[in-house]
All heavy atoms as atom14 arrays in JSON, in Angstrom:
{
  "sequence": "APGKERELVAAIRWSSWSGGSTFYEDSVKGRFAISR",
  "atom14_mask": [
    [1, 1, 1, 1, 1, 0, 0, 0, 0, 0, 0, 0, 0, 0],
    [1, 1, 1, 1, 1, 1, 1, 0, 0, 0, 0, 0, 0, 0],
    [1, 1, 1, 1, 0, 0, 0, 0, 0, 0, 0, 0, 0, 0],
    [1, 1, 1, 1, 1, 1, 1, 1, 1, 0, 0, 0, 0, 0],
    [1, 1, 1, 1, 1, 1, 1, 1, 1, 0, 0, 0, 0, 0],
    [1, 1, 1, 1, 1, 1, 1, 1, 1, 1, 1, 0, 0, 0],
    [1, 1, 1, 1, 1, 1, 1, 1, 1, 0, 0, 0, 0, 0],
    [1, 1, 1, 1, 1, 1, 1, 1, 0, 0, 0, 0, 0, 0],
    [1, 1, 1, 1, 1, 1, 1, 0, 0, 0, 0, 0, 0, 0],
    [1, 1, 1, 1, 1, 0, 0, 0, 0, 0, 0, 0, 0, 0],
    [1, 1, 1, 1, 1, 0, 0, 0, 0, 0, 0, 0, 0, 0],
    [1, 1, 1, 1, 1, 1, 1, 1, 0, 0, 0, 0, 0, 0],
    [1, 1, 1, 1, 1, 1, 1, 1, 1, 1, 1, 0, 0, 0],
    [1, 1, 1, 1, 1, 1, 1, 1, 1, 1, 1, 1, 1, 1],
    [1, 1, 1, 1, 1, 1, 0, 0, 0, 0, 0, 0, 0, 0],
    [1, 1, 1, 1, 1, 1, 0, 0, 0, 0, 0, 0, 0, 0],
    [1, 1, 1, 1, 1, 1, 1, 1, 1, 1, 1, 1, 1, 1],
    [1, 1, 1, 1, 1, 1, 0, 0, 0, 0, 0, 0, 0, 0],
    [1, 1, 1, 1, 0, 0, 0, 0, 0, 0, 0, 0, 0, 0],
    [1, 1, 1, 1, 0, 0, 0, 0, 0, 0, 0, 0, 0, 0],
    [1, 1, 1, 1, 1, 1, 0, 0, 0, 0, 0, 0, 0, 0],
    [1, 1, 1, 1, 1, 1, 1, 0, 0, 0, 0, 0, 0, 0],
    [1, 1, 1, 1, 1, 1, 1, 1, 1, 1, 1, 0, 0, 0],
    [1, 1, 1, 1, 1, 1, 1, 1, 1, 1, 1, 1, 0, 0],
    [1, 1, 1, 1, 1, 1, 1, 1, 1, 0, 0, 0, 0, 0],
    [1, 1, 1, 1, 1, 1, 1, 1, 0, 0, 0, 0, 0, 0],
    [1, 1, 1, 1, 1, 1, 0, 0, 0, 0, 0, 0, 0, 0],
    [1, 1, 1, 1, 1, 1, 1, 0, 0, 0, 0, 0, 0, 0],
    [1, 1, 1, 1, 1, 1, 1, 1, 1, 0, 0, 0, 0, 0],
    [1, 1, 1, 1, 0, 0, 0, 0, 0, 0, 0, 0, 0, 0],
    [1, 1, 1, 1, 1, 1, 1, 1, 1, 1, 1, 0, 0, 0],
    [1, 1, 1, 1, 1, 1, 1, 1, 1, 1, 1, 0, 0, 0],
    [1, 1, 1, 1, 1, 0, 0, 0, 0, 0, 0, 0, 0, 0],
    [1, 1, 1, 1, 1, 1, 1, 1, 0, 0, 0, 0, 0, 0],
    [1, 1, 1, 1, 1, 1, 0, 0, 0, 0, 0, 0, 0, 0],
    [1, 1, 1, 1, 1, 1, 1, 1, 1, 1, 1, 0, 0, 0]
  ],
  "atom14_positions": [
    [[-0.38, -32.74, 11.15], [-0.63, -32.78, 12.59], [0.68, -32.5, 13.33], [1.77, -32.69, 12.75], [-1.19, -34.14, 12.98], [0.0, 0.0, 0.0], [0.0, 0.0, 0.0], [0.0, 0.0, 0.0], [0.0, 0.0, 0.0], [0.0, 0.0, 0.0], [0.0, 0.0, 0.0], [0.0, 0.0, 0.0], [0.0, 0.0, 0.0], [0.0, 0.0, 0.0]],
    [[0.62, -32.05, 14.56], [1.84, -31.74, 15.3], [2.8, -32.92, 15.35], [2.41, -34.06, 15.65], [1.33, -31.4, 16.7], [-0.06, -30.9, 16.47], [-0.59, -31.72, 15.33], [0.0, 0.0, 0.0], [0.0, 0.0, 0.0], [0.0, 0.0, 0.0], [0.0, 0.0, 0.0], [0.0, 0.0, 0.0], [0.0, 0.0, 0.0], [0.0, 0.0, 0.0]],
    [[4.03, -32.68, 14.99], [5.05, -33.73, 15.02], [5.02, -34.71, 13.87], [5.76, -35.68, 13.87], [0.0, 0.0, 0.0], [0.0, 0.0, 0.0], [0.0, 0.0, 0.0], [0.0, 0.0, 0.0], [0.0, 0.0, 0.0], [0.0, 0.0, 0.0], [0.0, 0.0, 0.0], [0.0, 0.0, 0.0], [0.0, 0.0, 0.0], [0.0, 0.0, 0.0]],
    [[4.14, -34.46, 12.92], [4.01, -35.39, 11.8], [4.33, -34.69, 10.48], [4.31, -33.48, 10.37], [2.62, -36.0, 11.76], [2.31, -36.89, 12.95], [0.99, -37.62, 12.75], [0.71, -38.58, 13.91], [-0.55, -39.34, 13.7], [0.0, 0.0, 0.0], [0.0, 0.0, 0.0], [0.0, 0.0, 0.0], [0.0, 0.0, 0.0], [0.0, 0.0, 0.0]],
    [[4.6, -35.52, 9.47], [4.84, -35.0, 8.14], [3.53, -34.51, 7.5], [2.45, -35.02, 7.84], [5.44, -36.08, 7.25], [6.85, -36.52, 7.63], [7.87, -35.46, 7.3], [7.74, -34.81, 6.23], [8.79, -35.25, 8.11], [0.0, 0.0, 0.0], [0.0, 0.0, 0.0], [0.0, 0.0, 0.0], [0.0, 0.0, 0.0], [0.0, 0.0, 0.0]],
    [[3.66, -33.57, 6.6], [2.5, -33.13, 5.84], [2.14, -34.23, 4.85], [3.0, -34.71, 4.11], [2.81, -31.81, 5.1], [1.61, -31.16, 4.49], [1.96, -29.77, 3.96], [2.42, -28.87, 5.03], [2.63, -27.57, 4.83], [2.43, -27.04, 3.63], [3.07, -26.83, 5.83], [0.0, 0.0, 0.0], [0.0, 0.0, 0.0], [0.0, 0.0, 0.0]],
    [[0.88, -34.62, 4.83], [0.45, -35.72, 3.99], [-0.75, -35.33, 3.14], [-1.57, -34.49, 3.53], [0.05, -36.93, 4.85], [-1.12, -36.66, 5.79], [-1.57, -37.89, 6.56], [-0.96, -38.96, 6.42], [-2.58, -37.77, 7.29], [0.0, 0.0, 0.0], [0.0, 0.0, 0.0], [0.0, 0.0, 0.0], [0.0, 0.0, 0.0], [0.0, 0.0, 0.0]],
    [[-0.84, -35.98, 1.98], [-1.98, -35.73, 1.1], [-3.22, -36.37, 1.7], [-3.21, -37.51, 2.14], [-1.72, -36.32, -0.29], [-2.86, -36.17, -1.28], [-2.97, -34.72, -1.73], [-2.66, -37.09, -2.48], [0.0, 0.0, 0.0], [0.0, 0.0, 0.0], [0.0, 0.0, 0.0], [0.0, 0.0, 0.0], [0.0, 0.0, 0.0], [0.0, 0.0, 0.0]],
    [[-4.32, -35.61, 1.68], [-5.61, -36.11, 2.09], [-6.45, -36.47, 0.86], [-7.01, -37.57, 0.76], [-6.37, -35.08, 2.94], [-7.76, -35.57, 3.28], [-5.57, -34.75, 4.2], [0.0, 0.0, 0.0], [0.0, 0.0, 0.0], [0.0, 0.0, 0.0], [0.0, 0.0, 0.0], [0.0, 0.0, 0.0], [0.0, 0.0, 0.0], [0.0, 0.0, 0.0]],
    [[-6.53, -35.55, -0.06], [-7.3, -35.74, -1.28], [-6.79, -34.79, -2.34], [-6.26, -33.72, -2.03], [-8.79, -35.5, -1.04], [0.0, 0.0, 0.0], [0.0, 0.0, 0.0], [0.0, 0.0, 0.0], [0.0, 0.0, 0.0], [0.0, 0.0, 0.0], [0.0, 0.0, 0.0], [0.0, 0.0, 0.0], [0.0, 0.0, 0.0], [0.0, 0.0, 0.0]],
    [[-6.98, -35.17, -3.59], [-6.53, -34.32, -4.69], [-7.46, -34.49, -5.87], [-8.15, -35.52, -6.0], [-5.1, -34.66, -5.09], [0.0, 0.0, 0.0], [0.0, 0.0, 0.0], [0.0, 0.0, 0.0], [0.0, 0.0, 0.0], [0.0, 0.0, 0.0], [0.0, 0.0, 0.0], [0.0, 0.0, 0.0], [0.0, 0.0, 0.0], [0.0, 0.0, 0.0]],
    [[-7.46, -33.48, -6.69], [-8.27, -33.51, -7.9], [-7.49, -32.86, -9.01], [-6.73, -31.91, -8.78], [-9.63, -32.78, -7.65], [-10.57, -32.92, -8.83], [-9.41, -31.3, -7.29], [-11.99, -32.47, -8.51], [0.0, 0.0, 0.0], [0.0, 0.0, 0.0], [0.0, 0.0, 0.0], [0.0, 0.0, 0.0], [0.0, 0.0, 0.0], [0.0, 0.0, 0.0]],
    [[-7.64, -33.34, -10.21], [-6.96, -32.77, -11.36], [-7.91, -32.7, -12.52], [-8.82, -33.52, -12.65], [-5.72, -33.61, -11.73], [-6.07, -35.0, -12.19], [-4.86, -35.87, -12.44], [-5.28, -37.21, -12.87], [-4.49, -38.23, -13.02], [-3.18, -38.11, -12.77], [-4.95, -39.4, -13.42], [0.0, 0.0, 0.0], [0.0, 0.0, 0.0], [0.0, 0.0, 0.0]],
    [[-7.72, -31.7, -13.35], [-8.55, -31.57, -14.54], [-7.82, -30.73, -15.57], [-6.84, -30.04, -15.26], [-9.92, -30.99, -14.22], [-9.93, -29.55, -13.81], [-10.09, -28.44, -14.61], [-9.74, -29.03, -12.49], [-10.02, -27.29, -13.86], [-9.83, -27.63, -12.55], [-9.53, -29.63, -11.24], [-9.7, -26.81, -11.43], [-9.41, -28.81, -10.12], [-9.49, -27.44, -10.23]],
    [[-8.3, -30.81, -16.81], [-7.72, -30.0, -17.87], [-8.79, -29.77, -18.93], [-9.89, -30.3, -18.83], [-6.53, -30.71, -18.5], [-6.95, -31.83, -19.22], [0.0, 0.0, 0.0], [0.0, 0.0, 0.0], [0.0, 0.0, 0.0], [0.0, 0.0, 0.0], [0.0, 0.0, 0.0], [0.0, 0.0, 0.0], [0.0, 0.0, 0.0], [0.0, 0.0, 0.0]],
    [[-8.44, -28.99, -19.94], [-9.37, -28.7, -21.01], [-9.69, -29.95, -21.84], [-10.7, -29.98, -22.53], [-8.82, -27.59, -21.91], [-7.57, -27.97, -22.43], [0.0, 0.0, 0.0], [0.0, 0.0, 0.0], [0.0, 0.0, 0.0], [0.0, 0.0, 0.0], [0.0, 0.0, 0.0], [0.0, 0.0, 0.0], [0.0, 0.0, 0.0], [0.0, 0.0, 0.0]],
    [[-8.83, -30.99, -21.73], [-9.03, -32.2, -22.52], [-9.42, -33.41, -21.68], [-9.56, -34.5, -22.19], [-7.76, -32.52, -23.32], [-6.5, -32.44, -22.5], [-5.68, -31.38, -22.36], [-5.95, -33.48, -21.68], [-4.63, -31.69, -21.53], [-4.76, -32.95, -21.1], [-6.32, -34.81, -21.4], [-3.96, -33.71, -20.24], [-5.52, -35.56, -20.54], [-4.36, -35.0, -19.97]],
    [[-9.58, -33.2, -20.38], [-9.92, -34.31, -19.49], [-11.01, -33.9, -18.52], [-11.03, -32.76, -18.05], [-8.69, -34.76, -18.71], [-9.06, -35.7, -17.72], [0.0, 0.0, 0.0], [0.0, 0.0, 0.0], [0.0, 0.0, 0.0], [0.0, 0.0, 0.0], [0.0, 0.0, 0.0], [0.0, 0.0, 0.0], [0.0, 0.0, 0.0], [0.0, 0.0, 0.0]],
    [[-11.91, -34.83, -18.22], [-12.96, -34.55, -17.27], [-12.5, -34.49, -15.83], [-13.25, -34.05, -14.97], [0.0, 0.0, 0.0], [0.0, 0.0, 0.0], [0.0, 0.0, 0.0], [0.0, 0.0, 0.0], [0.0, 0.0, 0.0], [0.0, 0.0, 0.0], [0.0, 0.0, 0.0], [0.0, 0.0, 0.0], [0.0, 0.0, 0.0], [0.0, 0.0, 0.0]],
    [[-11.27, -34.93, -15.59], [-10.75, -34.84, -14.24], [-10.84, -36.14, -13.48], [-11.58, -37.06, -13.87], [0.0, 0.0, 0.0], [0.0, 0.0, 0.0], [0.0, 0.0, 0.0], [0.0, 0.0, 0.0], [0.0, 0.0, 0.0], [0.0, 0.0, 0.0], [0.0, 0.0, 0.0], [0.0, 0.0, 0.0], [0.0, 0.0, 0.0], [0.0, 0.0, 0.0]],
    [[-10.08, -36.23, -12.4], [-10.08, -37.42, -11.56], [-9.7, -37.03, -10.15], [-9.12, -35.96, -9.92], [-9.12, -38.48, -12.11], [-7.86, -37.92, -12.33], [0.0, 0.0, 0.0], [0.0, 0.0, 0.0], [0.0, 0.0, 0.0], [0.0, 0.0, 0.0], [0.0, 0.0, 0.0], [0.0, 0.0, 0.0], [0.0, 0.0, 0.0], [0.0, 0.0, 0.0]],
    [[-10.05, -37.88, -9.22], [-9.82, -37.59, -7.81], [-9.0, -38.7, -7.16], [-8.99, -39.83, -7.64], [-11.15, -37.43, -7.04], [-11.92, -38.64, -7.2], [-11.95, -36.26, -7.58], [0.0, 0.0, 0.0], [0.0, 0.0, 0.0], [0.0, 0.0, 0.0], [0.0, 0.0, 0.0], [0.0, 0.0, 0.0], [0.0, 0.0, 0.0], [0.0, 0.0, 0.0]],
    [[-8.32, -38.34, -6.08], [-7.51, -39.28, -5.32], [-7.77, -39.05, -3.84], [-7.96, -37.91, -3.42], [-6.02, -39.05, -5.62], [-5.65, -39.3, -7.04], [-5.85, -38.34, -8.02], [-5.08, -40.51, -7.43], [-5.51, -38.57, -9.33], [-4.72, -40.75, -8.75], [-4.96, -39.78, -9.71], [0.0, 0.0, 0.0], [0.0, 0.0, 0.0], [0.0, 0.0, 0.0]],
    [[-7.73, -40.14, -3.07], [-7.95, -40.04, -1.63], [-6.94, -40.89, -0.88], [-6.58, -42.0, -1.31], [-9.35, -40.51, -1.26], [-10.46, -39.65, -1.83], [-11.07, -39.96, -3.03], [-10.88, -38.52, -1.16], [-12.07, -39.17, -3.57], [-11.89, -37.71, -1.67], [-12.48, -38.05, -2.88], [-13.47, -37.25, -3.38], [0.0, 0.0, 0.0], [0.0, 0.0, 0.0]],
    [[-6.52, -40.37, 0.25], [-5.72, -41.16, 1.18], [-6.64, -42.22, 1.78], [-7.84, -41.99, 1.99], [-5.15, -40.22, 2.24], [-4.04, -40.84, 3.08], [-4.58, -41.49, 4.34], [-5.6, -41.02, 4.86], [-3.98, -42.48, 4.8], [0.0, 0.0, 0.0], [0.0, 0.0, 0.0], [0.0, 0.0, 0.0], [0.0, 0.0, 0.0], [0.0, 0.0, 0.0]],
    [[-6.1, -43.39, 2.04], [-6.94, -44.52, 2.44], [-7.81, -44.23, 3.67], [-8.98, -44.64, 3.73], [-6.09, -45.76, 2.7], [-5.55, -46.39, 1.42], [-6.07, -46.06, 0.34], [-4.64, -47.22, 1.51], [0.0, 0.0, 0.0], [0.0, 0.0, 0.0], [0.0, 0.0, 0.0], [0.0, 0.0, 0.0], [0.0, 0.0, 0.0], [0.0, 0.0, 0.0]],
    [[-7.27, -43.53, 4.63], [-8.01, -43.34, 5.88], [-9.22, -42.42, 5.75], [-10.06, -42.37, 6.65], [-7.07, -42.79, 6.96], [-6.7, -41.45, 6.68], [0.0, 0.0, 0.0], [0.0, 0.0, 0.0], [0.0, 0.0, 0.0], [0.0, 0.0, 0.0], [0.0, 0.0, 0.0], [0.0, 0.0, 0.0], [0.0, 0.0, 0.0], [0.0, 0.0, 0.0]],
    [[-9.33, -41.71, 4.63], [-10.46, -40.79, 4.47], [-11.45, -41.24, 3.39], [-12.48, -40.61, 3.2], [-9.98, -39.35, 4.15], [-8.99, -38.87, 5.19], [-9.42, -39.24, 2.74], [0.0, 0.0, 0.0], [0.0, 0.0, 0.0], [0.0, 0.0, 0.0], [0.0, 0.0, 0.0], [0.0, 0.0, 0.0], [0.0, 0.0, 0.0], [0.0, 0.0, 0.0]],
    [[-11.11, -42.33, 2.72], [-12.02, -42.83, 1.69], [-13.38, -43.16, 2.29], [-13.47, -43.81, 3.33], [-11.42, -44.08, 1.01], [-10.27, -43.76, 0.08], [-9.71, -45.03, -0.56], [-8.56, -44.72, -1.5], [-7.96, -45.95, -2.08], [0.0, 0.0, 0.0], [0.0, 0.0, 0.0], [0.0, 0.0, 0.0], [0.0, 0.0, 0.0], [0.0, 0.0, 0.0]],
    [[-14.42, -42.71, 1.62], [-15.78, -42.95, 2.1], [-16.25, -41.9, 3.1], [-17.44, -41.85, 3.41], [0.0, 0.0, 0.0], [0.0, 0.0, 0.0], [0.0, 0.0, 0.0], [0.0, 0.0, 0.0], [0.0, 0.0, 0.0], [0.0, 0.0, 0.0], [0.0, 0.0, 0.0], [0.0, 0.0, 0.0], [0.0, 0.0, 0.0], [0.0, 0.0, 0.0]],
    [[-15.33, -41.08, 3.6], [-15.73, -40.03, 4.56], [-15.53, -38.63, 3.97], [-16.32, -37.72, 4.27], [-14.89, -40.15, 5.84], [-15.05, -41.46, 6.56], [-14.37, -41.41, 7.94], [-12.93, -41.19, 7.86], [-12.28, -40.19, 8.46], [-12.96, -39.29, 9.16], [-10.95, -40.08, 8.36], [0.0, 0.0, 0.0], [0.0, 0.0, 0.0], [0.0, 0.0, 0.0]],
    [[-14.49, -38.44, 3.19], [-14.19, -37.13, 2.6], [-14.51, -37.16, 1.11], [-14.39, -38.21, 0.46], [-12.72, -36.8, 2.77], [-12.28, -36.5, 4.2], [-13.11, -36.77, 5.28], [-11.02, -35.99, 4.46], [-12.7, -36.51, 6.58], [-10.6, -35.73, 5.74], [-11.44, -36.0, 6.81], [0.0, 0.0, 0.0], [0.0, 0.0, 0.0], [0.0, 0.0, 0.0]],
    [[-14.86, -36.0, 0.6], [-15.1, -35.88, -0.84], [-14.54, -34.55, -1.32], [-14.84, -33.49, -0.76], [-16.59, -35.96, -1.14], [0.0, 0.0, 0.0], [0.0, 0.0, 0.0], [0.0, 0.0, 0.0], [0.0, 0.0, 0.0], [0.0, 0.0, 0.0], [0.0, 0.0, 0.0], [0.0, 0.0, 0.0], [0.0, 0.0, 0.0], [0.0, 0.0, 0.0]],
    [[-13.73, -34.63, -2.36], [-13.16, -33.43, -2.96], [-13.93, -33.12, -4.24], [-14.31, -34.03, -4.98], [-11.64, -33.6, -3.24], [-11.01, -32.27, -3.65], [-11.39, -34.69, -4.27], [-9.47, -32.32, -3.68], [0.0, 0.0, 0.0], [0.0, 0.0, 0.0], [0.0, 0.0, 0.0], [0.0, 0.0, 0.0], [0.0, 0.0, 0.0], [0.0, 0.0, 0.0]],
    [[-14.18, -31.86, -4.45], [-14.91, -31.45, -5.64], [-14.43, -30.06, -6.05], [-13.68, -29.41, -5.33], [-16.42, -31.44, -5.38], [-16.74, -30.51, -4.35], [0.0, 0.0, 0.0], [0.0, 0.0, 0.0], [0.0, 0.0, 0.0], [0.0, 0.0, 0.0], [0.0, 0.0, 0.0], [0.0, 0.0, 0.0], [0.0, 0.0, 0.0], [0.0, 0.0, 0.0]],
    [[-14.9, -29.61, -7.21], [-14.49, -28.29, -7.67], [-15.65, -27.54, -8.28], [-16.66, -28.14, -8.69], [-13.37, -28.43, -8.72], [-13.83, -29.04, -10.04], [-12.66, -29.13, -10.97], [-13.04, -29.69, -12.27], [-13.32, -28.96, -13.35], [-13.29, -27.65, -13.26], [-13.64, -29.53, -14.48], [0.0, 0.0, 0.0], [0.0, 0.0, 0.0], [0.0, 0.0, 0.0]]
  ]
}
């Protein structure tokens, strides 16, 4: 946002040996969903 630092909202990771996992910033939990 203007005048603010760039911050993580949500992230997802996966690999050939892992089913993957997701992360959310607290203020968006329950409202945002990351998928692939």
